[in-house]
Protein backbone atom coordinates (compact mmCIF):
# COMPACT_ATOMS: atom_id res chain seq x y z
CA MET A 1 -0.10 -0.01 -0.13
CA LEU A 2 1.43 3.47 -1.25
CA PHE A 3 1.63 6.34 1.90
CA ASN A 4 -0.86 8.54 0.03
CA GLU A 5 -3.53 5.98 0.83
CA ASN A 6 -2.41 5.70 4.35
CA ASP A 7 -3.02 8.39 7.16
CA ASP A 8 -1.58 6.15 10.00
CA THR A 9 0.77 7.82 12.35
CA ILE A 10 3.54 5.66 13.08
CA TYR A 11 6.33 5.82 15.86
CA ALA A 12 9.27 3.86 16.94
CA LEU A 13 12.55 4.00 19.28
CA SER A 14 14.75 5.81 16.87
CA SER A 15 18.26 5.67 19.01
CA GLY A 16 19.76 2.31 19.70
CA ALA A 17 17.94 -0.34 22.04
CA GLY A 18 19.46 -1.02 25.76
CA LYS A 19 20.49 1.43 28.44
CA ALA A 20 21.50 5.10 27.87
CA GLY A 21 21.58 8.83 29.04
CA ILE A 22 18.97 9.59 26.33
CA ALA A 23 16.62 7.68 24.20
CA VAL A 24 15.02 9.49 21.05
CA ILE A 25 11.58 8.21 20.08
CA ARG A 26 10.17 9.50 16.59
CA ILE A 27 6.19 9.97 15.77
CA SER A 28 5.55 10.89 12.12
CA GLY A 29 2.40 11.46 10.71
CA PRO A 30 -0.79 13.41 10.74
CA GLY A 31 -1.38 12.85 14.48
CA SER A 32 1.73 13.66 15.90
CA LEU A 33 0.55 16.85 16.99
CA SER A 34 -2.27 15.33 18.70
CA VAL A 35 0.07 12.78 20.34
CA TYR A 36 1.77 15.55 22.04
CA LYS A 37 -1.22 17.16 23.26
CA ALA A 38 -1.96 13.83 24.91
CA LEU A 39 1.01 13.53 26.49
CA CYS A 40 1.51 17.11 27.63
CA PRO A 41 -2.14 18.33 28.08
CA THR A 42 -1.05 21.17 30.11
CA LYS A 43 1.48 22.89 28.22
CA PRO A 44 1.40 24.31 24.62
CA PRO A 45 3.38 22.93 21.80
CA PRO A 46 7.12 23.92 21.56
CA LYS A 47 7.84 26.42 19.00
CA PRO A 48 8.09 24.43 15.74
CA ARG A 49 12.03 23.65 15.55
CA TYR A 50 12.98 24.80 18.95
CA ALA A 51 13.68 22.29 21.99
CA GLY A 52 11.20 22.40 24.72
CA VAL A 53 11.26 20.98 28.43
CA ARG A 54 7.91 18.77 29.34
CA THR A 55 6.77 16.22 31.44
CA LEU A 56 5.11 13.34 29.99
CA LEU A 57 1.80 11.91 31.50
CA ASP A 58 0.25 9.00 30.82
CA PRO A 59 -3.08 9.66 28.33
CA ALA A 60 -5.25 7.17 30.38
CA SER A 61 -4.53 9.40 33.60
CA ALA A 62 -3.85 12.82 32.12
CA ASN A 63 -6.87 14.44 33.53
CA LEU A 64 -6.79 13.03 37.27
CA PRO A 65 -5.12 15.10 39.97
CA ASN A 66 -2.41 12.66 40.50
CA GLY A 67 -1.58 11.50 36.89
CA ASN A 68 0.64 8.94 36.34
CA ILE A 69 4.40 10.61 35.08
CA LEU A 70 5.84 9.04 32.40
CA ASP A 71 8.68 10.64 32.26
CA SER A 72 9.86 14.44 33.82
CA ASP A 73 12.13 16.75 32.28
CA SER A 74 11.75 15.37 28.73
CA LEU A 75 12.93 17.25 25.85
CA ILE A 76 10.41 17.84 23.04
CA LEU A 77 10.78 19.13 19.16
CA TYR A 78 8.16 19.52 16.89
CA PHE A 79 8.77 19.85 12.95
CA PRO A 80 5.66 20.61 11.09
CA GLY A 81 5.63 19.27 7.34
CA PRO A 82 6.51 19.16 4.57
CA LYS A 83 10.26 20.26 5.19
CA THR A 84 10.77 17.35 7.56
CA VAL A 85 12.61 13.88 7.65
CA THR A 86 9.92 12.08 6.41
CA GLY A 87 8.03 15.01 4.61
CA GLU A 88 5.03 14.98 7.15
CA ASP A 89 4.74 16.22 10.67
CA VAL A 90 7.56 14.85 13.05
CA LEU A 91 7.51 14.71 16.51
CA GLU A 92 10.70 13.91 18.85
CA LEU A 93 10.60 12.90 22.37
CA HIS A 94 13.99 12.88 24.19
CA VAL A 95 13.25 10.85 27.14
CA HIS A 96 15.49 9.55 29.74
CA GLY A 97 17.16 6.03 28.45
CA GLY A 98 16.25 3.71 31.12
CA SER A 99 14.46 0.47 29.82
CA ALA A 100 11.55 1.08 32.06
CA THR A 101 11.11 4.39 30.78
CA ILE A 102 11.42 3.85 27.40
CA LYS A 103 8.90 1.37 27.65
CA ALA A 104 6.34 3.17 29.31
CA VAL A 105 6.31 5.98 26.86
CA LEU A 106 6.18 3.62 23.79
CA ALA A 107 3.36 1.96 25.25
CA ALA A 108 1.56 5.63 26.15
CA ILE A 109 1.82 6.59 22.43
CA PRO A 110 -0.86 4.36 21.05
CA LYS A 111 -3.15 5.21 23.72
CA CYS A 112 -3.20 8.86 22.43
CA SER A 113 -6.38 10.22 20.88
CA THR A 114 -5.94 11.02 17.26
CA THR A 115 -7.86 11.57 14.15
CA GLY A 116 -6.25 8.41 12.66
CA LYS A 117 -4.59 5.22 13.44
CA VAL A 118 -1.32 5.24 15.43
CA ARG A 119 0.85 2.26 15.16
CA TYR A 120 4.51 1.08 15.84
CA ALA A 121 6.41 1.72 12.71
CA GLU A 122 7.38 -1.41 10.36
CA PRO A 123 11.11 -1.76 9.17
CA GLY A 124 12.61 1.45 7.32
CA GLU A 125 8.95 3.03 7.30
CA PHE A 126 10.50 6.32 7.85
CA THR A 127 12.82 5.99 5.37
CA ARG A 128 9.99 4.92 2.95
CA ARG A 129 7.83 7.64 3.77
CA ALA A 130 10.77 10.15 2.80
CA PHE A 131 11.27 8.57 -0.15
CA LEU A 132 7.43 8.48 -1.16
CA ASN A 133 7.53 12.17 -0.17
CA GLY A 134 10.28 13.25 -2.26
CA ARG A 135 12.71 13.66 0.55
CA LEU A 136 15.16 11.33 -0.39
CA ASP A 137 15.71 9.09 -3.91
CA LEU A 138 16.55 5.70 -4.21
CA ALA A 139 20.37 6.19 -4.21
CA GLN A 140 20.16 8.20 -0.95
CA VAL A 141 18.30 6.00 0.44
CA GLU A 142 20.99 3.22 -0.54
CA SER A 143 23.64 5.45 1.08
CA LEU A 144 21.71 6.08 4.20
CA GLY A 145 21.78 1.94 4.71
CA ASP A 146 25.44 2.19 3.97
CA THR A 147 25.99 4.99 6.84
CA LEU A 148 24.27 2.72 9.49
CA ASP A 149 26.48 0.01 8.53
CA ALA A 150 29.81 1.54 8.22
CA VAL A 151 32.24 0.35 10.51
CA THR A 152 35.21 2.03 9.16
CA GLU A 153 36.50 5.46 8.42
CA GLN A 154 36.92 4.87 4.80
CA GLN A 155 32.98 3.20 4.78
CA ARG A 156 31.74 6.14 6.31
CA ARG A 157 33.33 8.26 3.60
CA VAL A 158 31.93 6.48 0.94
CA ALA A 159 28.55 6.46 2.74
CA VAL A 160 28.55 10.35 2.71
CA GLN A 161 29.66 10.72 -0.68
CA GLY A 162 26.23 8.87 -1.63
CA ASN A 163 23.96 10.64 0.45
CA SER A 164 24.87 13.99 -0.92
CA GLY A 165 22.07 13.74 -3.82
CA VAL A 166 24.78 14.39 -6.25
CA LEU A 167 24.10 10.81 -7.81
CA GLY A 168 20.42 10.77 -7.81
CA LYS A 169 20.48 14.42 -9.58
CA THR A 170 22.86 13.24 -12.30
CA TYR A 171 20.77 10.17 -13.03
CA GLU A 172 17.58 11.73 -13.06
CA ARG A 173 19.23 14.70 -15.56
CA TRP A 174 20.28 11.79 -17.69
CA ARG A 175 16.83 10.02 -17.81
CA GLU A 176 15.00 13.40 -18.84
CA GLU A 177 17.73 13.70 -21.41
CA LEU A 178 16.81 10.47 -22.78
CA LEU A 179 12.98 10.82 -22.36
CA LEU A 180 13.13 14.31 -23.96
CA ALA A 181 15.43 12.79 -27.40
CA ARG A 182 12.96 9.79 -27.84
CA GLY A 183 9.99 12.11 -27.84
CA GLU A 184 11.59 14.17 -30.79
CA ILE A 185 12.10 10.75 -32.43
CA GLU A 186 8.57 9.23 -31.87
CA ALA A 187 7.24 12.50 -33.04
CA LEU A 188 9.11 12.21 -36.15
CA ILE A 189 7.82 8.62 -36.41
CA ASP A 190 3.86 9.84 -35.98
CA PHE A 191 3.98 13.00 -37.33
CA SER A 192 6.79 12.96 -40.57
CA GLU A 193 3.93 12.92 -43.21
CA ASP A 194 1.78 15.57 -41.59
CA GLN A 195 4.03 18.31 -40.40
CA HIS A 196 7.39 20.05 -41.49
CA PHE A 197 10.35 18.94 -39.77
CA ASP A 198 13.36 20.87 -39.86
CA GLU A 199 15.69 18.11 -39.39
CA SER A 200 15.66 14.53 -41.54
CA PRO A 201 15.81 10.93 -39.19
CA THR A 202 19.14 10.84 -39.94
CA GLU A 203 20.26 14.49 -38.61
CA LEU A 204 18.09 13.98 -35.85
CA LEU A 205 19.91 10.40 -34.79
CA THR A 206 23.24 12.19 -35.35
CA ASN A 207 22.33 14.84 -32.86
CA VAL A 208 20.99 12.55 -30.24
CA ARG A 209 23.90 10.28 -30.99
CA ARG A 210 26.22 13.20 -29.24
CA LEU A 211 23.79 13.41 -26.25
CA VAL A 212 24.60 9.44 -25.99
CA GLU A 213 28.25 9.43 -26.38
CA GLY A 214 28.82 11.80 -23.51
CA ILE A 215 26.09 9.86 -21.34
CA LEU A 216 28.15 6.60 -22.00
CA HIS A 217 31.42 8.25 -21.11
CA SER A 218 29.97 9.17 -18.10
CA ILE A 219 28.75 5.62 -17.55
CA ASN A 220 31.97 4.42 -17.69
CA MET A 221 33.15 6.66 -14.91
CA HIS A 222 30.42 5.82 -12.70
CA LYS A 223 31.36 1.98 -13.08
CA LEU A 224 34.79 2.66 -12.24
CA GLY A 225 33.48 4.77 -9.09
CA SER A 226 31.60 1.62 -8.17
CA GLN A 227 34.43 -0.78 -8.30
CA LYS A 228 36.50 1.16 -6.33
CA SER A 229 33.59 2.13 -3.75
CA GLU A 230 33.11 -1.82 -3.38
CA LEU A 231 36.31 -2.31 -2.29
CA LEU A 232 35.75 -0.06 0.72
CA ARG A 233 32.43 -1.41 1.30
CA ASN A 234 33.15 -5.10 1.08
CA GLY A 235 37.01 -5.05 2.18
CA ILE A 236 40.11 -5.25 0.30
CA ARG A 237 41.50 -8.75 -0.19
CA ILE A 238 45.11 -9.53 0.64
CA ALA A 239 46.73 -12.88 0.16
CA LEU A 240 50.12 -13.94 1.96
CA LEU A 241 51.80 -16.06 -0.58
CA GLY A 242 55.37 -17.72 -0.39
CA PRO A 243 57.18 -20.88 0.38
CA PRO A 244 56.98 -22.89 3.82
CA ASN A 245 58.78 -21.41 6.55
CA ALA A 246 59.19 -18.18 4.81
CA GLY A 247 57.13 -16.58 7.74
CA LYS A 248 53.50 -16.06 6.46
CA SER A 249 51.70 -16.95 9.30
CA SER A 250 54.02 -14.96 11.77
CA LEU A 251 53.87 -11.86 9.27
CA MET A 252 49.82 -12.35 9.64
CA ASN A 253 49.84 -12.59 13.48
CA GLN A 254 51.65 -9.21 13.63
CA ILE A 255 49.58 -7.05 11.45
CA VAL A 256 46.68 -8.66 12.96
CA GLY A 257 47.74 -8.43 16.34
CA ARG A 258 46.81 -11.47 17.64
CA GLU A 259 47.19 -15.47 16.76
CA ALA A 260 45.17 -15.86 13.87
CA SER A 261 47.49 -18.38 12.28
CA ILE A 262 49.69 -21.69 13.74
CA VAL A 263 53.55 -20.14 14.05
CA SER A 264 56.01 -23.31 13.92
CA SER A 265 59.57 -24.07 12.84
CA GLU A 266 58.04 -27.00 11.03
CA ALA A 267 57.53 -26.45 7.43
CA GLY A 268 54.10 -26.41 6.10
CA THR A 269 52.06 -26.13 8.87
CA THR A 270 49.46 -23.95 7.07
CA ARG A 271 47.84 -26.24 5.23
CA ASP A 272 44.36 -24.49 4.40
CA VAL A 273 43.61 -20.89 4.07
CA ILE A 274 43.19 -18.79 6.95
CA GLU A 275 41.26 -15.37 6.90
CA ALA A 276 41.01 -12.56 9.39
CA ASN A 277 39.25 -9.03 9.06
CA LEU A 278 40.72 -6.13 10.55
CA ASP A 279 40.80 -2.06 10.21
CA ILE A 280 43.97 -0.32 9.04
CA ARG A 281 43.99 3.03 8.90
CA GLY A 282 40.27 3.10 8.08
CA TYR A 283 40.55 0.69 5.18
CA LEU A 284 38.72 -2.83 5.89
CA CYS A 285 40.92 -5.30 4.86
CA SER A 286 40.67 -9.21 4.73
CA PHE A 287 43.99 -10.92 5.30
CA ALA A 288 44.22 -14.53 4.15
CA ASP A 289 47.44 -16.65 5.00
CA THR A 290 47.68 -19.17 2.96
CA ALA A 291 49.66 -22.60 2.39
CA GLY A 292 53.07 -22.33 1.63
CA ILE A 293 53.70 -23.07 -2.32
CA ARG A 294 56.52 -25.66 -3.26
CA THR A 295 57.20 -26.15 -6.96
CA GLU A 296 59.96 -27.27 -9.15
CA SER A 297 61.03 -23.75 -9.15
CA THR A 298 61.25 -23.15 -5.21
CA ARG A 299 64.54 -22.20 -4.30
CA SER A 300 64.42 -23.62 -0.93
CA ILE A 301 67.18 -24.72 1.56
CA ALA A 302 66.55 -28.14 0.19
CA ASN A 303 67.63 -26.98 -3.37
CA LEU A 304 70.36 -25.19 -1.75
CA ASP A 305 71.85 -28.01 0.22
CA GLY A 306 71.56 -30.27 -2.88
CA ASP A 307 69.08 -32.61 -0.97
CA SER A 308 66.13 -34.02 -2.76
CA SER A 309 62.85 -31.87 -2.21
CA PRO A 310 60.45 -33.67 0.14
CA VAL A 311 57.57 -35.38 -1.50
CA ILE A 312 54.16 -33.12 -1.30
CA GLY A 313 51.18 -35.13 -0.57
CA ALA A 314 47.58 -34.79 -1.13
CA ILE A 315 46.58 -32.26 1.33
CA GLU A 316 49.36 -30.24 0.81
CA GLN A 317 48.64 -30.15 -3.03
CA GLU A 318 45.24 -28.94 -1.84
CA GLY A 319 46.48 -26.37 -0.01
CA ILE A 320 48.45 -25.06 -2.66
CA ARG A 321 45.77 -25.11 -5.24
CA ARG A 322 43.88 -22.90 -2.82
CA ALA A 323 46.72 -20.48 -2.30
CA ARG A 324 46.80 -20.29 -6.09
CA GLN A 325 43.26 -19.34 -6.29
CA LYS A 326 42.98 -17.24 -3.36
CA ALA A 327 46.24 -14.98 -5.24
CA MET A 328 44.17 -14.84 -8.11
CA ASP A 329 40.94 -13.39 -6.25
CA SER A 330 42.95 -10.78 -4.31
CA ASP A 331 43.24 -7.30 -4.86
CA ILE A 332 46.87 -7.38 -3.31
CA VAL A 333 49.41 -9.96 -2.91
CA ILE A 334 52.24 -9.91 -0.53
CA VAL A 335 55.10 -12.58 -1.33
CA LEU A 336 57.39 -13.45 1.01
CA ALA A 337 60.91 -14.63 0.88
CA SER A 338 63.16 -15.49 3.31
CA VAL A 339 67.15 -15.58 4.38
CA GLU A 340 68.12 -19.12 5.08
CA ALA A 341 71.24 -20.28 6.04
CA VAL A 342 73.17 -22.72 3.99
CA LYS A 343 74.50 -26.30 5.16
CA GLY A 344 78.14 -25.77 4.93
CA GLY A 345 77.93 -22.14 5.85
CA GLY A 346 76.63 -18.80 4.32
CA HIS A 347 72.86 -17.79 3.53
CA GLN A 348 70.88 -17.60 0.66
CA ILE A 349 67.22 -16.19 0.22
CA SER A 350 64.73 -18.69 -0.12
CA TYR A 351 62.01 -18.06 -2.75
CA ASP A 352 59.56 -19.51 -5.57
CA VAL A 353 59.03 -18.43 -8.88
CA GLU A 354 55.70 -19.08 -9.02
CA THR A 355 54.48 -16.94 -6.31
CA LEU A 356 56.54 -14.05 -7.61
CA LYS A 357 54.48 -14.47 -10.85
CA LEU A 358 51.29 -14.52 -9.05
CA ALA A 359 52.08 -11.39 -7.52
CA ALA A 360 53.09 -9.69 -10.55
CA ALA A 361 49.56 -10.51 -11.93
CA ALA A 362 47.87 -8.99 -8.80
CA GLN A 363 46.35 -5.44 -9.10
CA GLN A 364 49.24 -4.46 -6.55
CA CYS A 365 51.76 -6.58 -4.86
CA LEU A 366 54.56 -6.20 -2.39
CA VAL A 367 57.76 -8.00 -2.08
CA ALA A 368 59.05 -8.80 0.97
CA VAL A 369 62.20 -10.64 2.44
CA ASN A 370 61.94 -11.94 6.10
CA LYS A 371 64.19 -13.12 8.72
CA SER A 372 66.53 -10.36 8.07
CA ASP A 373 67.52 -10.32 11.33
CA VAL A 374 70.06 -13.71 10.94
CA VAL A 375 72.52 -11.75 9.05
CA GLU A 376 74.44 -8.32 9.56
CA ARG A 377 73.61 -5.44 7.06
CA GLU A 378 76.89 -5.91 5.25
CA THR A 379 76.04 -9.51 4.43
CA LEU A 380 72.13 -8.90 3.87
CA GLU A 381 72.73 -5.88 1.32
CA PRO A 382 74.58 -8.09 -1.42
CA LEU A 383 71.82 -10.98 -1.01
CA ILE A 384 68.96 -8.45 -1.63
CA GLN A 385 70.91 -7.02 -4.70
CA GLY A 386 71.31 -10.75 -5.82
CA PHE A 387 67.83 -11.29 -5.31
CA LYS A 388 66.54 -8.39 -7.32
CA SER A 389 68.41 -9.43 -10.18
CA SER A 390 68.28 -12.87 -10.26
CA ALA A 391 64.67 -13.39 -8.88
CA LEU A 392 62.66 -10.36 -9.64
CA GLY A 393 64.46 -9.37 -12.86
CA SER A 394 63.39 -12.51 -14.36
CA VAL A 395 59.63 -11.89 -13.70
CA GLN A 396 57.80 -9.69 -16.22
CA GLY A 397 56.09 -6.87 -13.95
CA LEU A 398 58.21 -6.96 -10.98
CA GLN A 399 61.69 -5.75 -12.82
CA GLY A 400 62.63 -2.66 -10.77
CA ALA A 401 60.69 -3.68 -7.80
CA GLU A 402 62.00 -2.94 -4.27
CA PRO A 403 61.80 -5.60 -1.95
CA LEU A 404 60.98 -4.79 1.95
CA THR A 405 63.17 -6.47 4.25
CA ILE A 406 61.85 -7.34 7.57
CA SER A 407 61.83 -9.36 10.73
CA CYS A 408 58.94 -10.87 12.03
CA LYS A 409 61.10 -12.45 15.16
CA ALA A 410 62.15 -8.89 15.92
CA ALA A 411 58.72 -7.28 15.57
CA ALA A 412 57.56 -9.98 18.03
CA THR A 413 60.33 -9.77 20.63
CA ALA A 414 61.12 -6.10 20.37
CA ALA A 415 61.16 -3.80 23.51
CA ALA A 416 58.50 -1.28 23.83
CA GLY A 417 59.11 1.97 22.56
CA LEU A 418 60.50 0.94 19.38
CA THR A 419 59.14 2.95 16.18
CA ASP A 420 59.08 0.06 13.64
CA PRO A 421 60.52 -3.31 14.88
CA GLY A 422 61.48 -5.62 12.28
CA GLY A 423 60.00 -3.14 9.46
CA VAL A 424 56.68 -4.64 9.88
CA HIS A 425 55.34 -1.03 10.34
CA THR A 426 56.98 0.06 7.17
CA LEU A 427 55.25 -2.66 5.36
CA THR A 428 51.70 -1.71 6.76
CA GLU A 429 52.45 1.85 5.41
CA ARG A 430 53.08 0.63 1.98
CA LEU A 431 49.74 -1.39 2.23
CA VAL A 432 48.06 1.72 2.90
CA GLN A 433 49.60 3.31 0.03
CA SER A 434 48.38 0.69 -2.32
CA PHE A 435 44.98 0.62 -0.62
CA SER A 436 44.96 4.34 -1.72
CA GLU A 437 46.01 3.85 -5.07
CA LEU A 438 43.56 0.98 -5.60
CA THR A 439 40.44 3.28 -4.36
CA SER A 440 41.29 6.68 -5.35
CA LEU A 441 39.48 9.06 -7.57
CA PRO A 442 40.13 12.47 -8.66
CA GLY A 443 38.84 15.09 -6.32
CA ASP A 444 36.06 16.45 -9.27
CA VAL A 445 34.65 13.22 -9.47
CA HIS A 446 35.17 11.93 -6.04
CA HIS A 447 31.34 11.46 -5.38
CA LEU A 448 31.44 8.62 -7.46
CA LEU A 449 32.45 6.48 -4.58
CA GLY A 450 28.83 6.46 -3.62
CA VAL A 451 27.82 4.71 -6.72
CA THR A 452 26.70 0.95 -5.31
CA GLU A 453 26.55 -2.61 -6.89
CA ARG A 454 23.04 -2.40 -7.58
CA GLN A 455 23.32 1.01 -9.36
CA ASN A 456 26.44 -0.36 -11.28
CA GLN A 457 24.26 -3.35 -12.34
CA LEU A 458 21.44 -1.00 -13.54
CA LEU A 459 24.01 1.40 -15.24
CA PHE A 460 25.55 -1.44 -17.06
CA GLU A 461 21.98 -2.57 -18.37
CA CYS A 462 21.48 1.00 -19.43
CA GLN A 463 24.69 1.14 -21.37
CA MET A 464 23.58 -2.15 -23.51
CA HIS A 465 20.58 -0.43 -24.20
CA LEU A 466 22.64 2.83 -25.21
CA GLU A 467 25.02 0.89 -27.30
CA GLY A 468 21.86 -0.68 -29.31
CA PHE A 469 20.94 3.11 -29.79
CA MET A 470 24.39 3.61 -31.10
CA THR A 471 24.13 0.78 -33.31
CA GLU A 472 21.16 2.27 -35.02
CA ALA A 473 22.52 6.09 -35.16
CA GLN A 474 25.92 4.83 -36.94
CA ALA A 475 23.56 2.88 -39.66
CA CYS A 476 23.94 5.78 -42.26
CA GLY A 477 27.68 5.58 -42.32
CA ALA A 478 27.23 2.10 -42.77
CA GLY A 479 24.98 2.61 -45.70
CA ARG A 480 21.47 1.47 -44.58
CA GLU A 481 18.59 3.44 -43.33
CA PRO A 482 18.54 3.64 -39.39
CA ASP A 483 15.69 1.72 -37.54
CA VAL A 484 14.04 4.78 -35.97
CA VAL A 485 11.41 3.11 -34.10
CA LEU A 486 14.06 0.63 -32.62
CA ALA A 487 16.60 3.25 -31.73
CA ALA A 488 13.52 5.03 -30.00
CA GLU A 489 12.79 2.18 -27.98
CA HIS A 490 16.21 1.63 -26.96
CA LEU A 491 16.45 5.41 -25.35
CA ARG A 492 12.92 4.28 -23.59
CA LEU A 493 14.68 0.97 -22.05
CA ALA A 494 17.62 2.88 -21.12
CA ALA A 495 15.82 5.86 -19.30
CA ASN A 496 13.50 3.44 -17.53
CA ARG A 497 16.72 1.66 -15.87
CA LEU A 498 17.96 4.98 -14.98
CA ALA A 499 14.79 5.41 -13.39
CA CYS A 500 14.97 2.24 -11.19
CA ILE A 501 18.13 3.52 -9.76
CA THR A 502 16.37 6.80 -8.60
CA GLY A 503 13.04 5.18 -7.94
CA ARG A 504 11.68 8.26 -9.96
CA GLY A 505 9.58 8.32 -13.19
CA ASP A 506 7.85 5.14 -14.87
CA SER A 507 10.41 2.23 -14.02
CA GLY A 508 8.11 -0.96 -13.34
CA ASP A 509 10.05 -2.63 -10.95
CA VAL A 510 11.07 -0.25 -8.56
CA GLU A 511 8.71 -1.64 -5.94
CA GLU A 512 10.34 -4.82 -6.39
CA VAL A 513 13.35 -3.63 -4.75
CA LEU A 514 11.78 -1.27 -2.31
CA GLY A 515 10.90 -3.40 0.22
CA VAL A 516 14.70 -5.17 0.88
CA ILE A 517 16.42 -1.77 0.71
CA PHE A 518 14.17 0.07 3.32
CA GLU A 519 14.43 -3.18 5.80
CA LYS A 520 18.33 -2.49 5.86
């Protein structure tokens, strides 16, 4: 049932449930002022948009000499419609936040005498009324849901961008332009034999084509914004790769700040993918510690000492397969090598060429050499230079990469007060830099971070219809007569997809998504 067919006054607890200093109860609808008069019969309503202190009385005993006081010194605000959060009269009761007080006030509200029904609001009903009364478009409603769900600083910023209303206005402008162009084309179809038109069908389609080309270019920018905003909303996926015993589990524990992975000197203790979520500088991240990858290209201590490589069992093979898959699904890959002692004296860097290639194929990658504490700096530097030239230099995409030297052992055992024990903090800062590169947009289009996955899907469908129009509009250049009827239909369908984003205009399936969105 649409709101304009329903005169109910609704109410709900707007602040969080549980004990608090203050609780906010919001009432919206034509009976809001009547509810106030029933709860505060001896005091006039406060001036609109000004706070007033009132004593709330139980409506059943308000006229008795010793009426039942629900709450004293409540703060009352009254907002007359239509310039309110819901577009209708709104009353807010700021009462003391004890559970008993909240329950008493909520129980008293439906007892108030009003011209219509007073009932508890359904999930998302305040926001739904704001949408139906034109106070919010559907894009802003989605951003409101993102605002309530935001747990990191970057998620909050994304939600703010979407809540600005810029996106909804942009999509509505595109929709109106497409409808106007479609109207001109259909007028040409219907009346070209009866009236004089200054433009031929070819000229008209050419002019509309310029408009569509501009919208298509903008859609590509909006889709890029959606990809980046999804990383901020859902988290940036990071995979730790490397040969067995390189220190992946130790590094993950240091970054996460707890023992998420089992750490052992025995190689191959991680056989499955172990994941942990955390907030790094406001970015939501999902770390995955993977099984050590051993292949014929693994430059391990066994290879360096001339020993035969151990047999890889079925369980370890499955762990390696999952590690490869996790790397291909990740946004950032951290590949680890390690400084290891060689039998007979000296040290070498143990690494696996396949993990380096997997890292090079990722959107962003970092190369780190662990166990830097086992040798002196004058010994470590030649090892790093040799690793850069022989290993990184042979992998396409990693030439010129500068590996970070770290020591998870030093980071775990360092005394308090050290600024960067083991170099793990430096690695974290490099990660944050990668996060920024993956998610940043130019300042003039920063609002595109507010594009959601639902909007992105509808933009893709709109793009398909606009490209269908372009096929017809370019028919003249291909030596055939354009089908203007089909061209107009493509514009209609494209405008319909834009209407589904904002919830405005004639879009048949908007109602299908309203319930899901508002309940969030």
